[in-house]
Amino acid sequence: MKNLIGIVLAGFLAFPAFAAVNLNTATQSELESVKGLGPAKAKAIIMHREKNGNFKRLEDLNDVKGFGKATIEKLKDELTVGAEANKKQ
């Protein structure tokens, strides 16, 4: 039993913890690393951010061309707006 626990723990340690990509700080390549975000959507996010300021919540992606409720729902676990933006809501 101890060996099994050790193997499971070693497996968790071998893979880095998943961290959501912050819409307010991510580079184009970081955004493109999210499954479902290609170069065009990543660029649209950055352009929107530069023009309108930081995203306050994930739902603000509705204002970005190419994003709708269904897309945001699919991406919600992989994206964040960061702790600071959440505190300002």
PDB file of N, CA and C in Angstrom:
ATOM      1  N   MET A   1       0.831  -1.195   0.000  1.00  0.00           N
ATOM      2  CA  MET A   1       0.000   0.000   0.000  1.00  0.00           C
ATOM      3  C   MET A   1       0.875   1.259   0.000  1.00  0.00           C
ATOM      4  N   LYS A   2       1.943   1.258   0.788  1.00  0.00           N
ATOM      5  CA  LYS A   2       2.828   2.417   0.823  1.00  0.00           C
ATOM      6  C   LYS A   2       3.455   2.659  -0.545  1.00  0.00           C
ATOM      7  N   ASN A   3       3.791   1.560  -1.233  1.00  0.00           N
ATOM      8  CA  ASN A   3       4.380   1.708  -2.563  1.00  0.00           C
ATOM      9  C   ASN A   3       3.396   2.360  -3.528  1.00  0.00           C
ATOM     10  N   LEU A   4       2.138   1.965  -3.438  1.00  0.00           N
ATOM     11  CA  LEU A   4       1.123   2.541  -4.318  1.00  0.00           C
ATOM     12  C   LEU A   4       0.967   4.038  -4.055  1.00  0.00           C
ATOM     13  N   ILE A   5       0.926   4.431  -2.815  1.00  0.00           N
ATOM     14  CA  ILE A   5       0.818   5.845  -2.458  1.00  0.00           C
ATOM     15  C   ILE A   5       2.044   6.600  -2.968  1.00  0.00           C
ATOM     16  N   GLY A   6       3.219   6.013  -2.820  1.00  0.00           N
ATOM     17  CA  GLY A   6       4.445   6.643  -3.304  1.00  0.00           C
ATOM     18  C   GLY A   6       4.428   6.834  -4.808  1.00  0.00           C
ATOM     19  N   ILE A   7       3.921   5.855  -5.531  1.00  0.00           N
ATOM     20  CA  ILE A   7       3.844   5.952  -6.991  1.00  0.00           C
ATOM     21  C   ILE A   7       2.872   7.061  -7.401  1.00  0.00           C
ATOM     22  N   VAL A   8       1.736   7.116  -6.741  1.00  0.00           N
ATOM     23  CA  VAL A   8       0.746   8.149  -7.061  1.00  0.00           C
ATOM     24  C   VAL A   8       1.312   9.534  -6.765  1.00  0.00           C
ATOM     25  N   LEU A   9       1.950   9.713  -5.621  1.00  0.00           N
ATOM     26  CA  LEU A   9       2.540  11.002  -5.272  1.00  0.00           C
ATOM     27  C   LEU A   9       3.641  11.387  -6.254  1.00  0.00           C
ATOM     28  N   ALA A  10       4.449  10.431  -6.652  1.00  0.00           N
ATOM     29  CA  ALA A  10       5.511  10.709  -7.614  1.00  0.00           C
ATOM     30  C   ALA A  10       4.923  11.168  -8.945  1.00  0.00           C
ATOM     31  N   GLY A  11       3.798  10.589  -9.331  1.00  0.00           N
ATOM     32  CA  GLY A  11       3.132  10.996 -10.567  1.00  0.00           C
ATOM     33  C   GLY A  11       2.664  12.435 -10.510  1.00  0.00           C
ATOM     34  N   PHE A  12       2.107  12.841  -9.368  1.00  0.00           N
ATOM     35  CA  PHE A  12       1.667  14.228  -9.210  1.00  0.00           C
ATOM     36  C   PHE A  12       2.842  15.190  -9.234  1.00  0.00           C
ATOM     37  N   LEU A  13       3.943  14.803  -8.649  1.00  0.00           N
ATOM     38  CA  LEU A  13       5.111  15.673  -8.597  1.00  0.00           C
ATOM     39  C   LEU A  13       5.817  15.777  -9.940  1.00  0.00           C
ATOM     40  N   ALA A  14       5.627  14.784 -10.782  1.00  0.00           N
ATOM     41  CA  ALA A  14       6.291  14.779 -12.082  1.00  0.00           C
ATOM     42  C   ALA A  14       5.669  15.782 -13.045  1.00  0.00           C
ATOM     43  N   PHE A  15       4.414  16.136 -12.805  1.00  0.00           N
ATOM     44  CA  PHE A  15       3.728  17.068 -13.677  1.00  0.00           C
ATOM     45  C   PHE A  15       3.494  18.373 -12.936  1.00  0.00           C
ATOM     46  N   PRO A  16       3.867  19.493 -13.532  1.00  0.00           N
ATOM     47  CA  PRO A  16       3.657  20.782 -12.858  1.00  0.00           C
ATOM     48  C   PRO A  16       2.170  21.052 -12.675  1.00  0.00           C
ATOM     49  N   ALA A  17       1.836  21.793 -11.671  1.00  0.00           N
ATOM     50  CA  ALA A  17       0.454  22.136 -11.408  1.00  0.00           C
ATOM     51  C   ALA A  17      -0.086  23.014 -12.529  1.00  0.00           C
ATOM     52  N   PHE A  18      -1.328  22.804 -12.861  1.00  0.00           N
ATOM     53  CA  PHE A  18      -1.976  23.588 -13.901  1.00  0.00           C
ATOM     54  C   PHE A  18      -2.258  24.984 -13.375  1.00  0.00           C
ATOM     55  N   ALA A  19      -1.931  25.969 -14.155  1.00  0.00           N
ATOM     56  CA  ALA A  19      -2.225  27.352 -13.787  1.00  0.00           C
ATOM     57  C   ALA A  19      -3.031  27.979 -14.915  1.00  0.00           C
ATOM     58  N   ALA A  20      -4.119  28.610 -14.565  1.00  0.00           N
ATOM     59  CA  ALA A  20      -4.943  29.273 -15.561  1.00  0.00           C
ATOM     60  C   ALA A  20      -4.174  30.454 -16.153  1.00  0.00           C
ATOM     61  N   VAL A  21      -4.424  30.741 -17.411  1.00  0.00           N
ATOM     62  CA  VAL A  21      -3.770  31.839 -18.111  1.00  0.00           C
ATOM     63  C   VAL A  21      -4.534  33.131 -17.806  1.00  0.00           C
ATOM     64  N   ASN A  22      -3.815  34.144 -17.388  1.00  0.00           N
ATOM     65  CA  ASN A  22      -4.408  35.419 -17.009  1.00  0.00           C
ATOM     66  C   ASN A  22      -4.629  36.275 -18.261  1.00  0.00           C
ATOM     67  N   LEU A  23      -5.883  36.595 -18.538  1.00  0.00           N
ATOM     68  CA  LEU A  23      -6.222  37.413 -19.704  1.00  0.00           C
ATOM     69  C   LEU A  23      -5.569  38.789 -19.666  1.00  0.00           C
ATOM     70  N   ASN A  24      -5.281  39.285 -18.475  1.00  0.00           N
ATOM     71  CA  ASN A  24      -4.763  40.643 -18.336  1.00  0.00           C
ATOM     72  C   ASN A  24      -3.251  40.746 -18.449  1.00  0.00           C
ATOM     73  N   THR A  25      -2.547  39.633 -18.383  1.00  0.00           N
ATOM     74  CA  THR A  25      -1.090  39.690 -18.421  1.00  0.00           C
ATOM     75  C   THR A  25      -0.463  38.764 -19.459  1.00  0.00           C
ATOM     76  N   ALA A  26      -1.244  37.878 -20.034  1.00  0.00           N
ATOM     77  CA  ALA A  26      -0.705  36.855 -20.932  1.00  0.00           C
ATOM     78  C   ALA A  26      -0.200  37.451 -22.241  1.00  0.00           C
ATOM     79  N   THR A  27       0.888  36.879 -22.719  1.00  0.00           N
ATOM     80  CA  THR A  27       1.415  37.213 -24.038  1.00  0.00           C
ATOM     81  C   THR A  27       0.605  36.460 -25.092  1.00  0.00           C
ATOM     82  N   GLN A  28       0.830  36.776 -26.342  1.00  0.00           N
ATOM     83  CA  GLN A  28       0.131  36.079 -27.419  1.00  0.00           C
ATOM     84  C   GLN A  28       0.424  34.583 -27.361  1.00  0.00           C
ATOM     85  N   SER A  29       1.681  34.210 -27.171  1.00  0.00           N
ATOM     86  CA  SER A  29       2.018  32.779 -27.156  1.00  0.00           C
ATOM     87  C   SER A  29       1.401  32.078 -25.944  1.00  0.00           C
ATOM     88  N   GLU A  30       1.308  32.764 -24.823  1.00  0.00           N
ATOM     89  CA  GLU A  30       0.666  32.160 -23.646  1.00  0.00           C
ATOM     90  C   GLU A  30      -0.827  31.942 -23.902  1.00  0.00           C
ATOM     91  N   LEU A  31      -1.461  32.898 -24.544  1.00  0.00           N
ATOM     92  CA  LEU A  31      -2.879  32.732 -24.875  1.00  0.00           C
ATOM     93  C   LEU A  31      -3.071  31.603 -25.881  1.00  0.00           C
ATOM     94  N   GLU A  32      -2.177  31.519 -26.858  1.00  0.00           N
ATOM     95  CA  GLU A  32      -2.282  30.456 -27.867  1.00  0.00           C
ATOM     96  C   GLU A  32      -2.060  29.070 -27.276  1.00  0.00           C
ATOM     97  N   SER A  33      -1.436  28.996 -26.113  1.00  0.00           N
ATOM     98  CA  SER A  33      -1.210  27.693 -25.486  1.00  0.00           C
ATOM     99  C   SER A  33      -2.497  27.098 -24.912  1.00  0.00           C
ATOM    100  N   VAL A  34      -3.546  27.905 -24.826  1.00  0.00           N
ATOM    101  CA  VAL A  34      -4.841  27.436 -24.338  1.00  0.00           C
ATOM    102  C   VAL A  34      -5.569  26.765 -25.492  1.00  0.00           C
ATOM    103  N   LYS A  35      -5.986  25.525 -25.272  1.00  0.00           N
ATOM    104  CA  LYS A  35      -6.710  24.788 -26.308  1.00  0.00           C
ATOM    105  C   LYS A  35      -7.979  25.555 -26.665  1.00  0.00           C
ATOM    106  N   GLY A  36      -8.141  25.854 -27.945  1.00  0.00           N
ATOM    107  CA  GLY A  36      -9.301  26.602 -28.406  1.00  0.00           C
ATOM    108  C   GLY A  36      -8.989  28.053 -28.727  1.00  0.00           C
ATOM    109  N   LEU A  37      -7.789  28.510 -28.366  1.00  0.00           N
ATOM    110  CA  LEU A  37      -7.383  29.881 -28.690  1.00  0.00           C
ATOM    111  C   LEU A  37      -6.250  29.827 -29.711  1.00  0.00           C
ATOM    112  N   GLY A  38      -6.549  30.230 -30.898  1.00  0.00           N
ATOM    113  CA  GLY A  38      -5.523  30.295 -31.926  1.00  0.00           C
ATOM    114  C   GLY A  38      -4.954  31.698 -32.018  1.00  0.00           C
ATOM    115  N   PRO A  39      -4.115  31.933 -33.017  1.00  0.00           N
ATOM    116  CA  PRO A  39      -3.479  33.247 -33.163  1.00  0.00           C
ATOM    117  C   PRO A  39      -4.471  34.405 -33.301  1.00  0.00           C
ATOM    118  N   ALA A  40      -5.545  34.213 -34.044  1.00  0.00           N
ATOM    119  CA  ALA A  40      -6.502  35.304 -34.259  1.00  0.00           C
ATOM    120  C   ALA A  40      -7.221  35.681 -32.965  1.00  0.00           C
ATOM    121  N   LYS A  41      -7.673  34.690 -32.216  1.00  0.00           N
ATOM    122  CA  LYS A  41      -8.382  34.990 -30.961  1.00  0.00           C
ATOM    123  C   LYS A  41      -7.427  35.561 -29.923  1.00  0.00           C
ATOM    124  N   ALA A  42      -6.209  35.042 -29.878  1.00  0.00           N
ATOM    125  CA  ALA A  42      -5.224  35.572 -28.927  1.00  0.00           C
ATOM    126  C   ALA A  42      -4.939  37.040 -29.231  1.00  0.00           C
ATOM    127  N   LYS A  43      -4.777  37.350 -30.512  1.00  0.00           N
ATOM    128  CA  LYS A  43      -4.510  38.737 -30.906  1.00  0.00           C
ATOM    129  C   LYS A  43      -5.713  39.631 -30.593  1.00  0.00           C
ATOM    130  N   ALA A  44      -6.921  39.109 -30.805  1.00  0.00           N
ATOM    131  CA  ALA A  44      -8.128  39.886 -30.510  1.00  0.00           C
ATOM    132  C   ALA A  44      -8.224  40.205 -29.017  1.00  0.00           C
ATOM    133  N   ILE A  45      -7.840  39.256 -28.168  1.00  0.00           N
ATOM    134  CA  ILE A  45      -7.842  39.483 -26.719  1.00  0.00           C
ATOM    135  C   ILE A  45      -6.868  40.597 -26.363  1.00  0.00           C
ATOM    136  N   ILE A  46      -5.673  40.523 -26.906  1.00  0.00           N
ATOM    137  CA  ILE A  46      -4.644  41.526 -26.597  1.00  0.00           C
ATOM    138  C   ILE A  46      -5.061  42.897 -27.114  1.00  0.00           C
ATOM    139  N   MET A  47      -5.602  42.955 -28.317  1.00  0.00           N
ATOM    140  CA  MET A  47      -6.032  44.239 -28.870  1.00  0.00           C
ATOM    141  C   MET A  47      -7.158  44.845 -28.033  1.00  0.00           C
ATOM    142  N   HIS A  48      -8.098  44.017 -27.622  1.00  0.00           N
ATOM    143  CA  HIS A  48      -9.199  44.500 -26.785  1.00  0.00           C
ATOM    144  C   HIS A  48      -8.664  45.016 -25.453  1.00  0.00           C
ATOM    145  N   ARG A  49      -7.722  44.281 -24.871  1.00  0.00           N
ATOM    146  CA  ARG A  49      -7.122  44.675 -23.596  1.00  0.00           C
ATOM    147  C   ARG A  49      -6.380  46.006 -23.722  1.00  0.00           C
ATOM    148  N   GLU A  50      -5.652  46.185 -24.801  1.00  0.00           N
ATOM    149  CA  GLU A  50      -4.899  47.427 -25.009  1.00  0.00           C
ATOM    150  C   GLU A  50      -5.830  48.617 -25.227  1.00  0.00           C
ATOM    151  N   LYS A  51      -6.937  48.388 -25.900  1.00  0.00           N
ATOM    152  CA  LYS A  51      -7.882  49.466 -26.209  1.00  0.00           C
ATOM    153  C   LYS A  51      -8.784  49.809 -25.020  1.00  0.00           C
ATOM    154  N   ASN A  52      -9.213  48.775 -24.264  1.00  0.00           N
ATOM    155  CA  ASN A  52     -10.244  48.958 -23.244  1.00  0.00           C
ATOM    156  C   ASN A  52      -9.772  48.748 -21.810  1.00  0.00           C
ATOM    157  N   GLY A  53      -8.535  48.379 -21.629  1.00  0.00           N
ATOM    158  CA  GLY A  53      -8.037  48.095 -20.282  1.00  0.00           C
ATOM    159  C   GLY A  53      -8.263  46.651 -19.891  1.00  0.00           C
ATOM    160  N   ASN A  54      -7.912  46.338 -18.668  1.00  0.00           N
ATOM    161  CA  ASN A  54      -7.982  44.966 -18.180  1.00  0.00           C
ATOM    162  C   ASN A  54      -9.406  44.427 -18.141  1.00  0.00           C
ATOM    163  N   PHE A  55      -9.493  43.126 -18.300  1.00  0.00           N
ATOM    164  CA  PHE A  55     -10.760  42.422 -18.133  1.00  0.00           C
ATOM    165  C   PHE A  55     -11.079  42.370 -16.639  1.00  0.00           C
ATOM    166  N   LYS A  56     -12.311  42.622 -16.288  1.00  0.00           N
ATOM    167  CA  LYS A  56     -12.717  42.550 -14.890  1.00  0.00           C
ATOM    168  C   LYS A  56     -13.270  41.176 -14.529  1.00  0.00           C
ATOM    169  N   ARG A  57     -13.824  40.506 -15.543  1.00  0.00           N
ATOM    170  CA  ARG A  57     -14.362  39.155 -15.350  1.00  0.00           C
ATOM    171  C   ARG A  57     -14.296  38.413 -16.679  1.00  0.00           C
ATOM    172  N   LEU A  58     -14.331  37.108 -16.621  1.00  0.00           N
ATOM    173  CA  LEU A  58     -14.217  36.301 -17.844  1.00  0.00           C
ATOM    174  C   LEU A  58     -15.323  36.620 -18.845  1.00  0.00           C
ATOM    175  N   GLU A  59     -16.497  36.940 -18.343  1.00  0.00           N
ATOM    176  CA  GLU A  59     -17.627  37.224 -19.217  1.00  0.00           C
ATOM    177  C   GLU A  59     -17.380  38.449 -20.104  1.00  0.00           C
ATOM    178  N   ASP A  60     -16.397  39.266 -19.750  1.00  0.00           N
ATOM    179  CA  ASP A  60     -16.048  40.419 -20.585  1.00  0.00           C
ATOM    180  C   ASP A  60     -15.531  39.985 -21.955  1.00  0.00           C
ATOM    181  N   LEU A  61     -15.184  38.709 -22.098  1.00  0.00           N
ATOM    182  CA  LEU A  61     -14.769  38.197 -23.409  1.00  0.00           C
ATOM    183  C   LEU A  61     -15.899  38.285 -24.423  1.00  0.00           C
ATOM    184  N   ASN A  62     -17.139  38.418 -23.957  1.00  0.00           N
ATOM    185  CA  ASN A  62     -18.275  38.609 -24.869  1.00  0.00           C
ATOM    186  C   ASN A  62     -18.067  39.829 -25.751  1.00  0.00           C
ATOM    187  N   ASP A  63     -17.278  40.790 -25.276  1.00  0.00           N
ATOM    188  CA  ASP A  63     -17.033  42.023 -26.021  1.00  0.00           C
ATOM    189  C   ASP A  63     -15.933  41.876 -27.065  1.00  0.00           C
ATOM    190  N   VAL A  64     -15.299  40.720 -27.106  1.00  0.00           N
ATOM    191  CA  VAL A  64     -14.198  40.466 -28.042  1.00  0.00           C
ATOM    192  C   VAL A  64     -14.737  39.675 -29.231  1.00  0.00           C
ATOM    193  N   LYS A  65     -14.409  40.128 -30.435  1.00  0.00           N
ATOM    194  CA  LYS A  65     -14.867  39.452 -31.651  1.00  0.00           C
ATOM    195  C   LYS A  65     -14.413  37.992 -31.638  1.00  0.00           C
ATOM    196  N   GLY A  66     -15.350  37.101 -31.933  1.00  0.00           N
ATOM    197  CA  GLY A  66     -15.037  35.681 -31.999  1.00  0.00           C
ATOM    198  C   GLY A  66     -15.370  34.914 -30.733  1.00  0.00           C
ATOM    199  N   PHE A  67     -15.856  35.624 -29.721  1.00  0.00           N
ATOM    200  CA  PHE A  67     -16.189  34.975 -28.460  1.00  0.00           C
ATOM    201  C   PHE A  67     -17.676  35.130 -28.173  1.00  0.00           C
ATOM    202  N   GLY A  68     -18.243  34.051 -27.676  1.00  0.00           N
ATOM    203  CA  GLY A  68     -19.634  34.050 -27.236  1.00  0.00           C
ATOM    204  C   GLY A  68     -19.746  33.242 -25.961  1.00  0.00           C
ATOM    205  N   LYS A  69     -20.939  33.113 -25.481  1.00  0.00           N
ATOM    206  CA  LYS A  69     -21.158  32.409 -24.212  1.00  0.00           C
ATOM    207  C   LYS A  69     -20.648  30.974 -24.249  1.00  0.00           C
ATOM    208  N   ALA A  70     -20.874  30.279 -25.354  1.00  0.00           N
ATOM    209  CA  ALA A  70     -20.452  28.873 -25.451  1.00  0.00           C
ATOM    210  C   ALA A  70     -18.930  28.742 -25.399  1.00  0.00           C
ATOM    211  N   THR A  71     -18.248  29.626 -26.113  1.00  0.00           N
ATOM    212  CA  THR A  71     -16.783  29.590 -26.113  1.00  0.00           C
ATOM    213  C   THR A  71     -16.231  29.918 -24.733  1.00  0.00           C
ATOM    214  N   ILE A  72     -16.794  30.929 -24.106  1.00  0.00           N
ATOM    215  CA  ILE A  72     -16.336  31.319 -22.766  1.00  0.00           C
ATOM    216  C   ILE A  72     -16.560  30.180 -21.781  1.00  0.00           C
ATOM    217  N   GLU A  73     -17.684  29.504 -21.889  1.00  0.00           N
ATOM    218  CA  GLU A  73     -17.980  28.369 -20.999  1.00  0.00           C
ATOM    219  C   GLU A  73     -16.936  27.265 -21.167  1.00  0.00           C
ATOM    220  N   LYS A  74     -16.523  27.003 -22.404  1.00  0.00           N
ATOM    221  CA  LYS A  74     -15.514  25.970 -22.663  1.00  0.00           C
ATOM    222  C   LYS A  74     -14.147  26.356 -22.097  1.00  0.00           C
ATOM    223  N   LEU A  75     -13.842  27.648 -22.075  1.00  0.00           N
ATOM    224  CA  LEU A  75     -12.519  28.120 -21.673  1.00  0.00           C
ATOM    225  C   LEU A  75     -12.434  28.538 -20.209  1.00  0.00           C
ATOM    226  N   LYS A  76     -13.541  28.570 -19.495  1.00  0.00           N
ATOM    227  CA  LYS A  76     -13.577  29.175 -18.160  1.00  0.00           C
ATOM    228  C   LYS A  76     -12.607  28.553 -17.165  1.00  0.00           C
ATOM    229  N   ASP A  77     -12.310  27.279 -17.304  1.00  0.00           N
ATOM    230  CA  ASP A  77     -11.384  26.635 -16.365  1.00  0.00           C
ATOM    231  C   ASP A  77      -9.916  26.885 -16.716  1.00  0.00           C
ATOM    232  N   GLU A  78      -9.672  27.389 -17.911  1.00  0.00           N
ATOM    233  CA  GLU A  78      -8.296  27.598 -18.360  1.00  0.00           C
ATOM    234  C   GLU A  78      -7.867  29.059 -18.348  1.00  0.00           C
ATOM    235  N   LEU A  79      -8.806  29.952 -18.086  1.00  0.00           N
ATOM    236  CA  LEU A  79      -8.511  31.384 -18.105  1.00  0.00           C
ATOM    237  C   LEU A  79      -8.877  32.040 -16.783  1.00  0.00           C
ATOM    238  N   THR A  80      -8.215  33.126 -16.486  1.00  0.00           N
ATOM    239  CA  THR A  80      -8.521  33.918 -15.300  1.00  0.00           C
ATOM    240  C   THR A  80      -8.287  35.384 -15.626  1.00  0.00           C
ATOM    241  N   VAL A  81      -8.824  36.246 -14.793  1.00  0.00           N
ATOM    242  CA  VAL A  81      -8.529  37.670 -14.920  1.00  0.00           C
ATOM    243  C   VAL A  81      -7.600  38.109 -13.790  1.00  0.00           C
ATOM    244  N   GLY A  82      -7.255  37.186 -12.920  1.00  0.00           N
ATOM    245  CA  GLY A  82      -6.319  37.469 -11.838  1.00  0.00           C
ATOM    246  C   GLY A  82      -7.024  37.916 -10.576  1.00  0.00           C
ATOM    247  N   ALA A  83      -6.341  37.745  -9.464  1.00  0.00           N
ATOM    248  CA  ALA A  83      -6.893  38.053  -8.148  1.00  0.00           C
ATOM    249  C   ALA A  83      -7.180  39.539  -7.989  1.00  0.00           C
ATOM    250  N   GLU A  84      -6.310  40.386  -8.508  1.00  0.00           N
ATOM    251  CA  GLU A  84      -6.506  41.837  -8.347  1.00  0.00           C
ATOM    252  C   GLU A  84      -7.775  42.301  -9.032  1.00  0.00           C
ATOM    253  N   ALA A  85      -8.034  41.808 -10.243  1.00  0.00           N
ATOM    254  CA  ALA A  85      -9.238  42.227 -10.946  1.00  0.00           C
ATOM    255  C   ALA A  85     -10.480  41.736 -10.217  1.00  0.00           C
ATOM    256  N   ASN A  86     -10.421  40.519  -9.647  1.00  0.00           N
ATOM    257  CA  ASN A  86     -11.571  39.992  -8.919  1.00  0.00           C
ATOM    258  C   ASN A  86     -11.879  40.833  -7.693  1.00  0.00           C
ATOM    259  N   LYS A  87     -10.879  41.380  -7.035  1.00  0.00           N
ATOM    260  CA  LYS A  87     -11.094  42.187  -5.839  1.00  0.00           C
ATOM    261  C   LYS A  87     -11.792  43.497  -6.154  1.00  0.00           C
ATOM    262  N   LYS A  88     -11.653  43.981  -7.385  1.00  0.00           N
ATOM    263  CA  LYS A  88     -12.210  45.276  -7.758  1.00  0.00           C
ATOM    264  C   LYS A  88     -13.676  45.172  -8.163  1.00  0.00           C
ATOM    265  N   GLN A  89     -14.220  43.988  -8.279  1.00  0.00           N
ATOM    266  CA  GLN A  89     -15.605  43.826  -8.727  1.00  0.00           C
ATOM    267  C   GLN A  89     -16.580  44.239  -7.657  1.00  0.00           C
TER     268      GLN A  89
END
